[in-house]
PDB file of N, CA and C in Angstrom:
ATOM      1  N   MET A   1       0.680  -1.357   0.402  1.00  0.00           N
ATOM      2  CA  MET A   1      -0.240  -0.041  -0.208  1.00  0.00           C
ATOM      3  C   MET A   1       0.827   1.258   0.255  1.00  0.00           C
ATOM      4  N   ASN A   2       0.356   2.481  -0.945  1.00  0.00           N
ATOM      5  CA  ASN A   2       1.214   3.453  -0.633  1.00  0.00           C
ATOM      6  C   ASN A   2       0.826   4.764   0.410  1.00  0.00           C
ATOM      7  N   ARG A   3       1.702   5.082   0.877  1.00  0.00           N
ATOM      8  CA  ARG A   3       1.616   5.599   2.207  1.00  0.00           C
ATOM      9  C   ARG A   3       0.711   7.148   1.742  1.00  0.00           C
ATOM     10  N   LEU A   4       0.593   7.263   0.351  1.00  0.00           N
ATOM     11  CA  LEU A   4      -0.060   8.366  -0.004  1.00  0.00           C
ATOM     12  C   LEU A   4      -1.890   8.565   0.450  1.00  0.00           C
ATOM     13  N   ILE A   5      -1.948   7.145  -0.074  1.00  0.00           N
ATOM     14  CA  ILE A   5      -3.383   6.809  -0.333  1.00  0.00           C
ATOM     15  C   ILE A   5      -3.698   5.532   1.405  1.00  0.00           C
ATOM     16  N   THR A   6      -4.988   5.960   1.322  1.00  0.00           N
ATOM     17  CA  THR A   6      -5.445   4.153   2.036  1.00  0.00           C
ATOM     18  C   THR A   6      -6.100   3.315   1.589  1.00  0.00           C
ATOM     19  N   GLU A   7      -6.143   2.546   1.732  1.00  0.00           N
ATOM     20  CA  GLU A   7      -6.739   1.009   0.797  1.00  0.00           C
ATOM     21  C   GLU A   7      -8.079   1.669   0.651  1.00  0.00           C
ATOM     22  N   ASP A   8      -8.816   2.063   1.300  1.00  0.00           N
ATOM     23  CA  ASP A   8     -10.230   2.497   0.753  1.00  0.00           C
ATOM     24  C   ASP A   8     -10.248   3.451  -0.316  1.00  0.00           C
ATOM     25  N   GLU A   9      -9.436   4.635  -0.063  1.00  0.00           N
ATOM     26  CA  GLU A   9      -9.186   5.052  -1.100  1.00  0.00           C
ATOM     27  C   GLU A   9      -8.968   4.630  -2.405  1.00  0.00           C
ATOM     28  N   ARG A  10      -7.495   3.712  -2.308  1.00  0.00           N
ATOM     29  CA  ARG A  10      -7.455   3.422  -3.260  1.00  0.00           C
ATOM     30  C   ARG A  10      -8.538   2.393  -4.222  1.00  0.00           C
ATOM     31  N   ARG A  11      -9.516   1.384  -3.521  1.00  0.00           N
ATOM     32  CA  ARG A  11     -10.388   1.012  -4.398  1.00  0.00           C
ATOM     33  C   ARG A  11     -11.381   2.069  -4.717  1.00  0.00           C
ATOM     34  N   GLN A  12     -11.705   3.296  -4.005  1.00  0.00           N
ATOM     35  CA  GLN A  12     -12.349   4.182  -4.821  1.00  0.00           C
ATOM     36  C   GLN A  12     -11.663   4.838  -6.019  1.00  0.00           C
ATOM     37  N   LEU A  13     -10.627   4.942  -6.348  1.00  0.00           N
ATOM     38  CA  LEU A  13      -9.822   5.586  -7.145  1.00  0.00           C
ATOM     39  C   LEU A  13      -9.661   4.655  -8.293  1.00  0.00           C
ATOM     40  N   LEU A  14      -9.523   3.499  -8.057  1.00  0.00           N
ATOM     41  CA  LEU A  14      -9.501   2.139  -9.247  1.00  0.00           C
ATOM     42  C   LEU A  14     -10.889   1.934  -9.540  1.00  0.00           C
ATOM     43  N   ALA A  15     -11.968   2.196  -9.094  1.00  0.00           N
ATOM     44  CA  ALA A  15     -13.358   2.068  -9.351  1.00  0.00           C
ATOM     45  C   ALA A  15     -13.533   3.203 -10.451  1.00  0.00           C
ATOM     46  N   HIS A  16     -13.344   4.357 -10.001  1.00  0.00           N
ATOM     47  CA  HIS A  16     -13.025   5.392 -11.484  1.00  0.00           C
ATOM     48  C   HIS A  16     -12.174   5.183 -12.582  1.00  0.00           C
ATOM     49  N   GLY A  17     -11.050   4.753 -12.251  1.00  0.00           N
ATOM     50  CA  GLY A  17      -9.983   4.307 -12.828  1.00  0.00           C
ATOM     51  C   GLY A  17     -10.647   3.275 -14.055  1.00  0.00           C
ATOM     52  N   GLN A  18     -11.395   2.373 -13.766  1.00  0.00           N
ATOM     53  CA  GLN A  18     -11.992   1.730 -14.471  1.00  0.00           C
ATOM     54  C   GLN A  18     -13.186   1.941 -15.536  1.00  0.00           C
ATOM     55  N   GLY A  19     -13.838   2.952 -15.040  1.00  0.00           N
ATOM     56  CA  GLY A  19     -14.448   3.573 -16.098  1.00  0.00           C
ATOM     57  C   GLY A  19     -13.815   4.239 -16.785  1.00  0.00           C
ATOM     58  N   ARG A  20     -13.194   5.054 -16.391  1.00  0.00           N
ATOM     59  CA  ARG A  20     -12.225   5.772 -17.368  1.00  0.00           C
ATOM     60  C   ARG A  20     -11.517   4.968 -18.683  1.00  0.00           C
ATOM     61  N   ALA A  21     -10.999   3.860 -18.084  1.00  0.00           N
ATOM     62  CA  ALA A  21     -10.313   2.721 -18.902  1.00  0.00           C
ATOM     63  C   ALA A  21     -11.448   1.892 -20.037  1.00  0.00           C
ATOM     64  N   ALA A  22     -12.757   2.068 -19.346  1.00  0.00           N
ATOM     65  CA  ALA A  22     -13.588   1.234 -20.340  1.00  0.00           C
ATOM     66  C   ALA A  22     -14.438   2.242 -21.332  1.00  0.00           C
ATOM     67  N   GLY A  23     -13.588   3.798 -21.193  1.00  0.00           N
ATOM     68  CA  GLY A  23     -14.375   4.554 -22.086  1.00  0.00           C
ATOM     69  C   GLY A  23     -15.555   5.357 -21.854  1.00  0.00           C
ATOM     70  N   GLN A  24     -16.069   4.823 -20.398  1.00  0.00           N
ATOM     71  CA  GLN A  24     -17.054   6.043 -20.344  1.00  0.00           C
ATOM     72  C   GLN A  24     -16.888   7.351 -19.880  1.00  0.00           C
ATOM     73  N   THR A  25     -17.640   8.342 -19.902  1.00  0.00           N
ATOM     74  CA  THR A  25     -17.558   9.585 -19.656  1.00  0.00           C
ATOM     75  C   THR A  25     -18.041   9.584 -18.179  1.00  0.00           C
ATOM     76  N   ILE A  26     -17.035  10.146 -17.630  1.00  0.00           N
ATOM     77  CA  ILE A  26     -17.340  10.291 -16.005  1.00  0.00           C
ATOM     78  C   ILE A  26     -16.778  11.334 -15.481  1.00  0.00           C
ATOM     79  N   ASP A  27     -17.643  12.098 -14.333  1.00  0.00           N
ATOM     80  CA  ASP A  27     -17.238  13.348 -13.508  1.00  0.00           C
ATOM     81  C   ASP A  27     -16.856  12.906 -12.247  1.00  0.00           C
ATOM     82  N   PRO A  28     -16.091  12.056 -11.577  1.00  0.00           N
ATOM     83  CA  PRO A  28     -16.002  11.598 -10.393  1.00  0.00           C
ATOM     84  C   PRO A  28     -15.671  12.955  -9.683  1.00  0.00           C
ATOM     85  N   TRP A  29     -16.332  12.416  -7.951  1.00  0.00           N
ATOM     86  CA  TRP A  29     -15.740  13.668  -7.142  1.00  0.00           C
ATOM     87  C   TRP A  29     -14.311  13.140  -6.662  1.00  0.00           C
ATOM     88  N   PRO A  30     -13.577  14.233  -6.439  1.00  0.00           N
ATOM     89  CA  PRO A  30     -12.189  13.465  -6.114  1.00  0.00           C
ATOM     90  C   PRO A  30     -12.332  12.711  -4.717  1.00  0.00           C
ATOM     91  N   VAL A  31     -11.199  11.847  -4.854  1.00  0.00           N
ATOM     92  CA  VAL A  31     -11.227  10.788  -3.489  1.00  0.00           C
ATOM     93  C   VAL A  31     -10.258  11.775  -2.597  1.00  0.00           C
ATOM     94  N   VAL A  32      -9.189  11.535  -2.619  1.00  0.00           N
ATOM     95  CA  VAL A  32      -7.877  12.332  -2.247  1.00  0.00           C
ATOM     96  C   VAL A  32      -7.452  13.499  -2.109  1.00  0.00           C
ATOM     97  N   ARG A  33      -7.098  14.328  -1.463  1.00  0.00           N
ATOM     98  CA  ARG A  33      -6.372  15.933  -1.626  1.00  0.00           C
ATOM     99  C   ARG A  33      -4.948  15.451  -0.751  1.00  0.00           C
ATOM    100  N   LEU A  34      -3.920  15.625  -1.814  1.00  0.00           N
ATOM    101  CA  LEU A  34      -2.408  15.667  -1.432  1.00  0.00           C
ATOM    102  C   LEU A  34      -2.013  16.860  -1.700  1.00  0.00           C
ATOM    103  N   PHE A  35      -1.165  17.350  -0.692  1.00  0.00           N
ATOM    104  CA  PHE A  35      -0.394  18.942  -1.154  1.00  0.00           C
ATOM    105  C   PHE A  35       1.205  18.403  -0.562  1.00  0.00           C
ATOM    106  N   THR A  36       1.519  19.700  -0.729  1.00  0.00           N
ATOM    107  CA  THR A  36       3.336  19.733  -0.044  1.00  0.00           C
ATOM    108  C   THR A  36       3.039  21.092   1.078  1.00  0.00           C
ATOM    109  N   PRO A  37       3.334  20.765   2.366  1.00  0.00           N
ATOM    110  CA  PRO A  37       2.730  21.869   2.992  1.00  0.00           C
ATOM    111  C   PRO A  37       4.031  22.859   2.951  1.00  0.00           C
ATOM    112  N   ASP A  38       4.808  23.076   2.694  1.00  0.00           N
ATOM    113  CA  ASP A  38       6.159  24.133   2.166  1.00  0.00           C
ATOM    114  C   ASP A  38       6.440  24.512   0.536  1.00  0.00           C
ATOM    115  N   ALA A  39       5.051  23.967  -0.077  1.00  0.00           N
ATOM    116  CA  ALA A  39       5.297  24.582  -1.833  1.00  0.00           C
ATOM    117  C   ALA A  39       4.133  24.894  -2.309  1.00  0.00           C
ATOM    118  N   HIS A  40       3.129  24.974  -1.774  1.00  0.00           N
ATOM    119  CA  HIS A  40       1.946  25.076  -2.194  1.00  0.00           C
ATOM    120  C   HIS A  40       1.379  24.874  -3.894  1.00  0.00           C
ATOM    121  N   ALA A  41       1.876  23.382  -4.033  1.00  0.00           N
ATOM    122  CA  ALA A  41       1.078  22.334  -4.820  1.00  0.00           C
ATOM    123  C   ALA A  41       0.139  21.460  -4.277  1.00  0.00           C
ATOM    124  N   THR A  42      -0.928  21.310  -5.054  1.00  0.00           N
ATOM    125  CA  THR A  42      -2.189  20.257  -4.231  1.00  0.00           C
ATOM    126  C   THR A  42      -2.383  19.439  -5.494  1.00  0.00           C
ATOM    127  N   TRP A  43      -2.699  18.182  -5.092  1.00  0.00           N
ATOM    128  CA  TRP A  43      -3.490  17.334  -6.278  1.00  0.00           C
ATOM    129  C   TRP A  43      -4.692  16.727  -5.369  1.00  0.00           C
ATOM    130  N   LEU A  44      -5.524  16.889  -6.491  1.00  0.00           N
ATOM    131  CA  LEU A  44      -6.954  16.191  -5.972  1.00  0.00           C
ATOM    132  C   LEU A  44      -7.095  14.951  -7.072  1.00  0.00           C
ATOM    133  N   LEU A  45      -7.158  13.990  -6.717  1.00  0.00           N
ATOM    134  CA  LEU A  45      -7.014  12.648  -7.332  1.00  0.00           C
ATOM    135  C   LEU A  45      -8.517  12.032  -7.733  1.00  0.00           C
ATOM    136  N   ALA A  46      -8.849  11.442  -8.592  1.00  0.00           N
ATOM    137  CA  ALA A  46     -10.161  11.307  -9.083  1.00  0.00           C
ATOM    138  C   ALA A  46     -10.286   9.652  -9.124  1.00  0.00           C
ATOM    139  N   ALA A  47      -9.040   9.342  -9.801  1.00  0.00           N
ATOM    140  CA  ALA A  47      -8.847   8.038 -10.670  1.00  0.00           C
ATOM    141  C   ALA A  47      -7.257   7.225 -10.455  1.00  0.00           C
ATOM    142  N   LEU A  48      -7.394   6.209 -10.596  1.00  0.00           N
ATOM    143  CA  LEU A  48      -6.385   5.183 -10.247  1.00  0.00           C
ATOM    144  C   LEU A  48      -6.494   4.352 -11.865  1.00  0.00           C
ATOM    145  N   ASP A  49      -4.982   4.453 -12.573  1.00  0.00           N
ATOM    146  CA  ASP A  49      -5.521   3.833 -13.788  1.00  0.00           C
ATOM    147  C   ASP A  49      -5.318   2.170 -13.126  1.00  0.00           C
ATOM    148  N   PRO A  50      -5.843   1.217 -13.800  1.00  0.00           N
ATOM    149  CA  PRO A  50      -6.108   0.007 -13.248  1.00  0.00           C
ATOM    150  C   PRO A  50      -4.878  -1.249 -14.028  1.00  0.00           C
ATOM    151  N   ALA A  51      -4.635  -0.204 -14.766  1.00  0.00           N
ATOM    152  CA  ALA A  51      -3.474  -1.338 -15.460  1.00  0.00           C
ATOM    153  C   ALA A  51      -1.974  -1.125 -14.828  1.00  0.00           C
ATOM    154  N   ASP A  52      -2.014  -0.077 -14.007  1.00  0.00           N
ATOM    155  CA  ASP A  52      -0.756   0.098 -13.383  1.00  0.00           C
ATOM    156  C   ASP A  52      -0.526   0.423 -11.985  1.00  0.00           C
ATOM    157  N   ASP A  53      -1.658   0.789 -11.485  1.00  0.00           N
ATOM    158  CA  ASP A  53      -2.248   0.885 -10.022  1.00  0.00           C
ATOM    159  C   ASP A  53      -1.319   1.974  -9.363  1.00  0.00           C
ATOM    160  N   ASP A  54      -0.632   3.011 -10.257  1.00  0.00           N
ATOM    161  CA  ASP A  54       0.239   3.757  -9.733  1.00  0.00           C
ATOM    162  C   ASP A  54      -0.267   5.335 -10.610  1.00  0.00           C
ATOM    163  N   THR A  55      -0.604   5.388 -11.593  1.00  0.00           N
ATOM    164  CA  THR A  55      -1.134   6.562 -12.373  1.00  0.00           C
ATOM    165  C   THR A  55      -2.116   7.110 -12.096  1.00  0.00           C
ATOM    166  N   ALA A  56      -1.933   8.350 -11.692  1.00  0.00           N
ATOM    167  CA  ALA A  56      -3.430   8.932 -11.120  1.00  0.00           C
ATOM    168  C   ALA A  56      -4.033  10.294 -11.413  1.00  0.00           C
ATOM    169  N   PHE A  57      -5.192   9.878 -12.148  1.00  0.00           N
ATOM    170  CA  PHE A  57      -5.801  11.667 -12.812  1.00  0.00           C
ATOM    171  C   PHE A  57      -6.572  12.446 -11.730  1.00  0.00           C
ATOM    172  N   GLY A  58      -6.201  13.561 -12.284  1.00  0.00           N
ATOM    173  CA  GLY A  58      -7.143  14.394 -11.472  1.00  0.00           C
ATOM    174  C   GLY A  58      -6.580  15.728 -11.633  1.00  0.00           C
ATOM    175  N   LEU A  59      -7.180  16.819 -10.532  1.00  0.00           N
ATOM    176  CA  LEU A  59      -6.716  18.036 -10.781  1.00  0.00           C
ATOM    177  C   LEU A  59      -5.451  18.435 -10.100  1.00  0.00           C
ATOM    178  N   ILE A  60      -4.372  19.112 -10.880  1.00  0.00           N
ATOM    179  CA  ILE A  60      -3.200  19.376 -10.471  1.00  0.00           C
ATOM    180  C   ILE A  60      -3.198  21.014 -10.332  1.00  0.00           C
ATOM    181  N   ASP A  61      -2.663  21.156  -9.227  1.00  0.00           N
ATOM    182  CA  ASP A  61      -2.215  22.570  -9.168  1.00  0.00           C
ATOM    183  C   ASP A  61      -0.729  22.826  -8.306  1.00  0.00           C
ATOM    184  N   LEU A  62       0.175  23.215  -9.704  1.00  0.00           N
ATOM    185  CA  LEU A  62       1.858  23.327  -9.102  1.00  0.00           C
ATOM    186  C   LEU A  62       1.669  24.410  -8.051  1.00  0.00           C
ATOM    187  N   GLY A  63       0.820  25.214  -7.914  1.00  0.00           N
ATOM    188  CA  GLY A  63       1.171  26.682  -7.068  1.00  0.00           C
ATOM    189  C   GLY A  63       1.546  27.409  -8.364  1.00  0.00           C
ATOM    190  N   LEU A  64       1.386  27.415  -9.416  1.00  0.00           N
ATOM    191  CA  LEU A  64       1.921  28.654 -10.145  1.00  0.00           C
ATOM    192  C   LEU A  64       0.751  29.369 -10.969  1.00  0.00           C
ATOM    193  N   GLY A  65      -0.258  29.183 -10.819  1.00  0.00           N
ATOM    194  CA  GLY A  65      -1.668  30.191 -11.105  1.00  0.00           C
ATOM    195  C   GLY A  65      -2.471  29.511 -12.055  1.00  0.00           C
ATOM    196  N   MET A  66      -1.883  27.855 -12.658  1.00  0.00           N
ATOM    197  CA  MET A  66      -2.300  26.974 -14.067  1.00  0.00           C
ATOM    198  C   MET A  66      -2.682  26.031 -13.683  1.00  0.00           C
ATOM    199  N   PRO A  67      -3.801  25.887 -12.582  1.00  0.00           N
ATOM    200  CA  PRO A  67      -4.270  24.211 -12.393  1.00  0.00           C
ATOM    201  C   PRO A  67      -4.834  23.890 -13.609  1.00  0.00           C
ATOM    202  N   GLU A  68      -5.070  22.807 -13.849  1.00  0.00           N
ATOM    203  CA  GLU A  68      -5.119  21.612 -15.007  1.00  0.00           C
ATOM    204  C   GLU A  68      -5.310  20.453 -14.386  1.00  0.00           C
ATOM    205  N   LEU A  69      -5.927  19.416 -15.578  1.00  0.00           N
ATOM    206  CA  LEU A  69      -6.256  18.117 -14.970  1.00  0.00           C
ATOM    207  C   LEU A  69      -4.891  17.753 -15.908  1.00  0.00           C
ATOM    208  N   GLY A  70      -4.623  16.558 -15.407  1.00  0.00           N
ATOM    209  CA  GLY A  70      -3.880  15.337 -15.806  1.00  0.00           C
ATOM    210  C   GLY A  70      -3.266  14.318 -14.923  1.00  0.00           C
ATOM    211  N   GLN A  71      -2.374  13.443 -15.601  1.00  0.00           N
ATOM    212  CA  GLN A  71      -1.767  12.376 -14.388  1.00  0.00           C
ATOM    213  C   GLN A  71      -0.476  12.454 -13.774  1.00  0.00           C
ATOM    214  N   ILE A  72      -0.328  12.033 -12.947  1.00  0.00           N
ATOM    215  CA  ILE A  72       0.522  11.730 -12.200  1.00  0.00           C
ATOM    216  C   ILE A  72       0.807  10.229 -11.212  1.00  0.00           C
ATOM    217  N   LYS A  73       1.915   9.685 -11.462  1.00  0.00           N
ATOM    218  CA  LYS A  73       2.730   8.852 -10.739  1.00  0.00           C
ATOM    219  C   LYS A  73       2.302   8.555  -9.177  1.00  0.00           C
ATOM    220  N   LEU A  74       1.859   8.009  -8.764  1.00  0.00           N
ATOM    221  CA  LEU A  74       2.236   8.240  -6.866  1.00  0.00           C
ATOM    222  C   LEU A  74       3.385   8.422  -6.772  1.00  0.00           C
ATOM    223  N   SER A  75       4.195   7.018  -6.933  1.00  0.00           N
ATOM    224  CA  SER A  75       5.463   6.971  -6.937  1.00  0.00           C
ATOM    225  C   SER A  75       6.272   8.319  -6.757  1.00  0.00           C
ATOM    226  N   ASP A  76       5.881   8.908  -8.389  1.00  0.00           N
ATOM    227  CA  ASP A  76       6.441  10.095  -8.102  1.00  0.00           C
ATOM    228  C   ASP A  76       6.318  11.255  -6.971  1.00  0.00           C
ATOM    229  N   LEU A  77       4.654  10.999  -6.897  1.00  0.00           N
ATOM    230  CA  LEU A  77       4.318  11.812  -5.413  1.00  0.00           C
ATOM    231  C   LEU A  77       5.419  11.817  -4.161  1.00  0.00           C
ATOM    232  N   ALA A  78       5.608  10.395  -4.058  1.00  0.00           N
ATOM    233  CA  ALA A  78       6.283   9.880  -2.701  1.00  0.00           C
ATOM    234  C   ALA A  78       7.381  10.452  -2.699  1.00  0.00           C
ATOM    235  N   SER A  79       8.170  10.525  -3.760  1.00  0.00           N
ATOM    236  CA  SER A  79       9.515  11.501  -3.648  1.00  0.00           C
ATOM    237  C   SER A  79       9.958  12.458  -3.760  1.00  0.00           C
ATOM    238  N   ILE A  80       8.762  13.311  -3.800  1.00  0.00           N
ATOM    239  CA  ILE A  80       8.841  14.927  -4.094  1.00  0.00           C
ATOM    240  C   ILE A  80       9.037  15.511  -2.739  1.00  0.00           C
ATOM    241  N   VAL A  81       9.720  16.501  -2.228  1.00  0.00           N
ATOM    242  CA  VAL A  81       9.817  16.924  -1.159  1.00  0.00           C
ATOM    243  C   VAL A  81      10.083  18.373  -1.433  1.00  0.00           C
ATOM    244  N   GLY A  82       9.409  19.380  -0.672  1.00  0.00           N
ATOM    245  CA  GLY A  82       9.566  20.952  -1.115  1.00  0.00           C
ATOM    246  C   GLY A  82      10.775  21.498  -0.297  1.00  0.00           C
ATOM    247  N   PRO A  83      10.852  22.778  -0.300  1.00  0.00           N
ATOM    248  CA  PRO A  83      11.868  23.682  -0.016  1.00  0.00           C
ATOM    249  C   PRO A  83      12.490  22.863   1.445  1.00  0.00           C
ATOM    250  N   ARG A  84      11.734  22.870   2.401  1.00  0.00           N
ATOM    251  CA  ARG A  84      12.100  22.816   3.865  1.00  0.00           C
ATOM    252  C   ARG A  84      11.886  21.307   3.921  1.00  0.00           C
ATOM    253  N   GLN A  85      12.209  20.687   3.010  1.00  0.00           N
ATOM    254  CA  GLN A  85      12.047  19.024   2.910  1.00  0.00           C
ATOM    255  C   GLN A  85      11.085  18.654   3.364  1.00  0.00           C
ATOM    256  N   GLN A  86      10.022  19.194   3.130  1.00  0.00           N
ATOM    257  CA  GLN A  86       8.619  18.342   3.835  1.00  0.00           C
ATOM    258  C   GLN A  86       8.063  17.633   2.399  1.00  0.00           C
ATOM    259  N   PRO A  87       8.126  16.365   3.077  1.00  0.00           N
ATOM    260  CA  PRO A  87       7.212  15.512   1.817  1.00  0.00           C
ATOM    261  C   PRO A  87       5.794  15.844   1.381  1.00  0.00           C
ATOM    262  N   VAL A  88       5.245  15.016   0.240  1.00  0.00           N
ATOM    263  CA  VAL A  88       4.072  15.306  -0.196  1.00  0.00           C
ATOM    264  C   VAL A  88       2.887  14.516   1.099  1.00  0.00           C
ATOM    265  N   MET A  89       1.632  15.144   1.486  1.00  0.00           N
ATOM    266  CA  MET A  89       1.194  14.417   2.526  1.00  0.00           C
ATOM    267  C   MET A  89      -0.101  14.456   1.896  1.00  0.00           C
ATOM    268  N   ARG A  90      -1.257  13.366   2.672  1.00  0.00           N
ATOM    269  CA  ARG A  90      -2.704  13.341   2.557  1.00  0.00           C
ATOM    270  C   ARG A  90      -3.102  14.384   3.627  1.00  0.00           C
ATOM    271  N   ASP A  91      -4.169  15.063   3.016  1.00  0.00           N
ATOM    272  CA  ASP A  91      -5.357  15.857   3.509  1.00  0.00           C
ATOM    273  C   ASP A  91      -6.137  14.763   3.952  1.00  0.00           C
ATOM    274  N   ARG A  92      -5.977  14.094   5.325  1.00  0.00           N
ATOM    275  CA  ARG A  92      -7.001  13.262   6.152  1.00  0.00           C
ATOM    276  C   ARG A  92      -8.484  13.893   6.311  1.00  0.00           C
ATOM    277  N   PHE A  93      -8.356  15.169   6.152  1.00  0.00           N
ATOM    278  CA  PHE A  93      -9.843  15.809   6.328  1.00  0.00           C
ATOM    279  C   PHE A  93     -10.400  16.456   5.607  1.00  0.00           C
ATOM    280  N   PHE A  94     -10.055  15.907   3.964  1.00  0.00           N
ATOM    281  CA  PHE A  94     -10.382  16.636   2.548  1.00  0.00           C
ATOM    282  C   PHE A  94     -11.773  15.344   2.408  1.00  0.00           C
ATOM    283  N   LYS A  95     -12.910  15.796   2.176  1.00  0.00           N
ATOM    284  CA  LYS A  95     -14.171  15.150   2.102  1.00  0.00           C
ATOM    285  C   LYS A  95     -14.653  16.400   0.680  1.00  0.00           C
ATOM    286  N   ALA A  96     -14.580  15.655  -0.528  1.00  0.00           N
ATOM    287  CA  ALA A  96     -15.164  16.617  -1.839  1.00  0.00           C
ATOM    288  C   ALA A  96     -16.480  16.832  -1.488  1.00  0.00           C
ATOM    289  N   VAL A  97     -16.904  17.857  -2.236  1.00  0.00           N
ATOM    290  CA  VAL A  97     -18.366  18.657  -2.006  1.00  0.00           C
ATOM    291  C   VAL A  97     -18.814  18.862  -3.237  1.00  0.00           C
ATOM    292  N   ARG A  98     -17.964  18.692  -4.853  1.00  0.00           N
ATOM    293  CA  ARG A  98     -18.102  18.651  -5.647  1.00  0.00           C
ATOM    294  C   ARG A  98     -17.575  17.652  -6.766  1.00  0.00           C
ATOM    295  N   PRO A  99     -18.266  17.840  -8.273  1.00  0.00           N
ATOM    296  CA  PRO A  99     -17.315  16.750  -8.914  1.00  0.00           C
ATOM    297  C   PRO A  99     -16.156  17.315  -9.614  1.00  0.00           C
ATOM    298  N   LEU A 100     -15.434  16.942 -10.076  1.00  0.00           N
ATOM    299  CA  LEU A 100     -14.127  17.443 -10.469  1.00  0.00           C
ATOM    300  C   LEU A 100     -14.036  18.332 -11.308  1.00  0.00           C
ATOM    301  N   SER A 101     -15.399  18.122 -11.958  1.00  0.00           N
ATOM    302  CA  SER A 101     -15.201  19.417 -13.442  1.00  0.00           C
ATOM    303  C   SER A 101     -15.246  20.870 -12.520  1.00  0.00           C
ATOM    304  N   VAL A 102     -16.047  20.556 -11.651  1.00  0.00           N
ATOM    305  CA  VAL A 102     -16.832  22.030 -11.215  1.00  0.00           C
ATOM    306  C   VAL A 102     -15.329  22.355 -10.061  1.00  0.00           C
ATOM    307  N   TYR A 103     -14.641  21.606  -9.762  1.00  0.00           N
ATOM    308  CA  TYR A 103     -13.251  21.755  -9.079  1.00  0.00           C
ATOM    309  C   TYR A 103     -12.464  22.423 -10.074  1.00  0.00           C
ATOM    310  N   LEU A 104     -12.324  21.888 -11.360  1.00  0.00           N
ATOM    311  CA  LEU A 104     -11.561  22.617 -12.527  1.00  0.00           C
ATOM    312  C   LEU A 104     -11.899  23.921 -12.914  1.00  0.00           C
ATOM    313  N   ARG A 105     -13.174  23.870 -12.664  1.00  0.00           N
ATOM    314  CA  ARG A 105     -13.520  25.641 -13.176  1.00  0.00           C
ATOM    315  C   ARG A 105     -13.644  26.842 -12.234  1.00  0.00           C
ATOM    316  N   LEU A 106     -13.610  26.299 -10.970  1.00  0.00           N
ATOM    317  CA  LEU A 106     -13.193  27.052 -10.064  1.00  0.00           C
ATOM    318  C   LEU A 106     -11.468  27.468  -9.784  1.00  0.00           C
ATOM    319  N   ALA A 107     -10.898  26.277  -9.870  1.00  0.00           N
ATOM    320  CA  ALA A 107      -9.529  26.316 -10.123  1.00  0.00           C
ATOM    321  C   ALA A 107      -9.307  27.236 -11.044  1.00  0.00           C
ATOM    322  N   GLN A 108      -9.706  27.230 -12.350  1.00  0.00           N
ATOM    323  CA  GLN A 108      -9.220  27.986 -13.080  1.00  0.00           C
ATOM    324  C   GLN A 108      -9.455  29.310 -13.612  1.00  0.00           C
ATOM    325  N   GLU A 109     -10.684  29.810 -12.418  1.00  0.00           N
ATOM    326  CA  GLU A 109     -10.911  30.787 -12.731  1.00  0.00           C
ATOM    327  C   GLU A 109     -10.166  31.477 -11.105  1.00  0.00           C
ATOM    328  N   ASP A 110      -9.854  31.170 -10.238  1.00  0.00           N
ATOM    329  CA  ASP A 110      -9.480  31.852  -9.134  1.00  0.00           C
ATOM    330  C   ASP A 110      -7.628  31.993  -9.360  1.00  0.00           C
ATOM    331  N   GLY A 111      -7.602  30.807  -9.835  1.00  0.00           N
ATOM    332  CA  GLY A 111      -5.792  30.360 -10.368  1.00  0.00           C
ATOM    333  C   GLY A 111      -5.113  29.136  -9.630  1.00  0.00           C
ATOM    334  N   THR A 112      -5.965  28.627  -8.317  1.00  0.00           N
ATOM    335  CA  THR A 112      -5.711  27.901  -7.358  1.00  0.00           C
ATOM    336  C   THR A 112      -6.659  26.741  -7.019  1.00  0.00           C
ATOM    337  N   VAL A 113      -6.882  25.986  -6.503  1.00  0.00           N
ATOM    338  CA  VAL A 113      -7.979  24.861  -6.287  1.00  0.00           C
ATOM    339  C   VAL A 113      -8.093  25.191  -4.783  1.00  0.00           C
ATOM    340  N   PRO A 114     -10.222  25.310  -4.910  1.00  0.00           N
ATOM    341  CA  PRO A 114     -10.218  26.088  -3.897  1.00  0.00           C
ATOM    342  C   PRO A 114     -10.814  24.766  -2.763  1.00  0.00           C
ATOM    343  N   ASP A 115     -10.913  25.288  -1.512  1.00  0.00           N
ATOM    344  CA  ASP A 115     -10.729  24.326  -0.539  1.00  0.00           C
ATOM    345  C   ASP A 115     -12.024  23.715  -0.426  1.00  0.00           C
TER     346      ASP A 115
END
């Protein structure tokens, strides 16, 4: 198991990923929020590729004012540290309140992922 996501989150992400892999048009609610406490980067992950169980899909905000949808490997996220050597962390209190498309629209309007 990856330290960034729980087993339950992994199952939810894989379920969304299976829908995406099957070609379904889905607009899932994000399952997990990851962030760097010292670098202003945020990842709202909504799906996990069932082919490799490592490639996640979601809203990526690197803190540069240009959030966008994309893919990232959980193994890559696990190796990232910020300028003060803080690793990427899971927001244990995150609970999505809207679908991913709405988070994307709001993030593009504001230049950052809304809480």
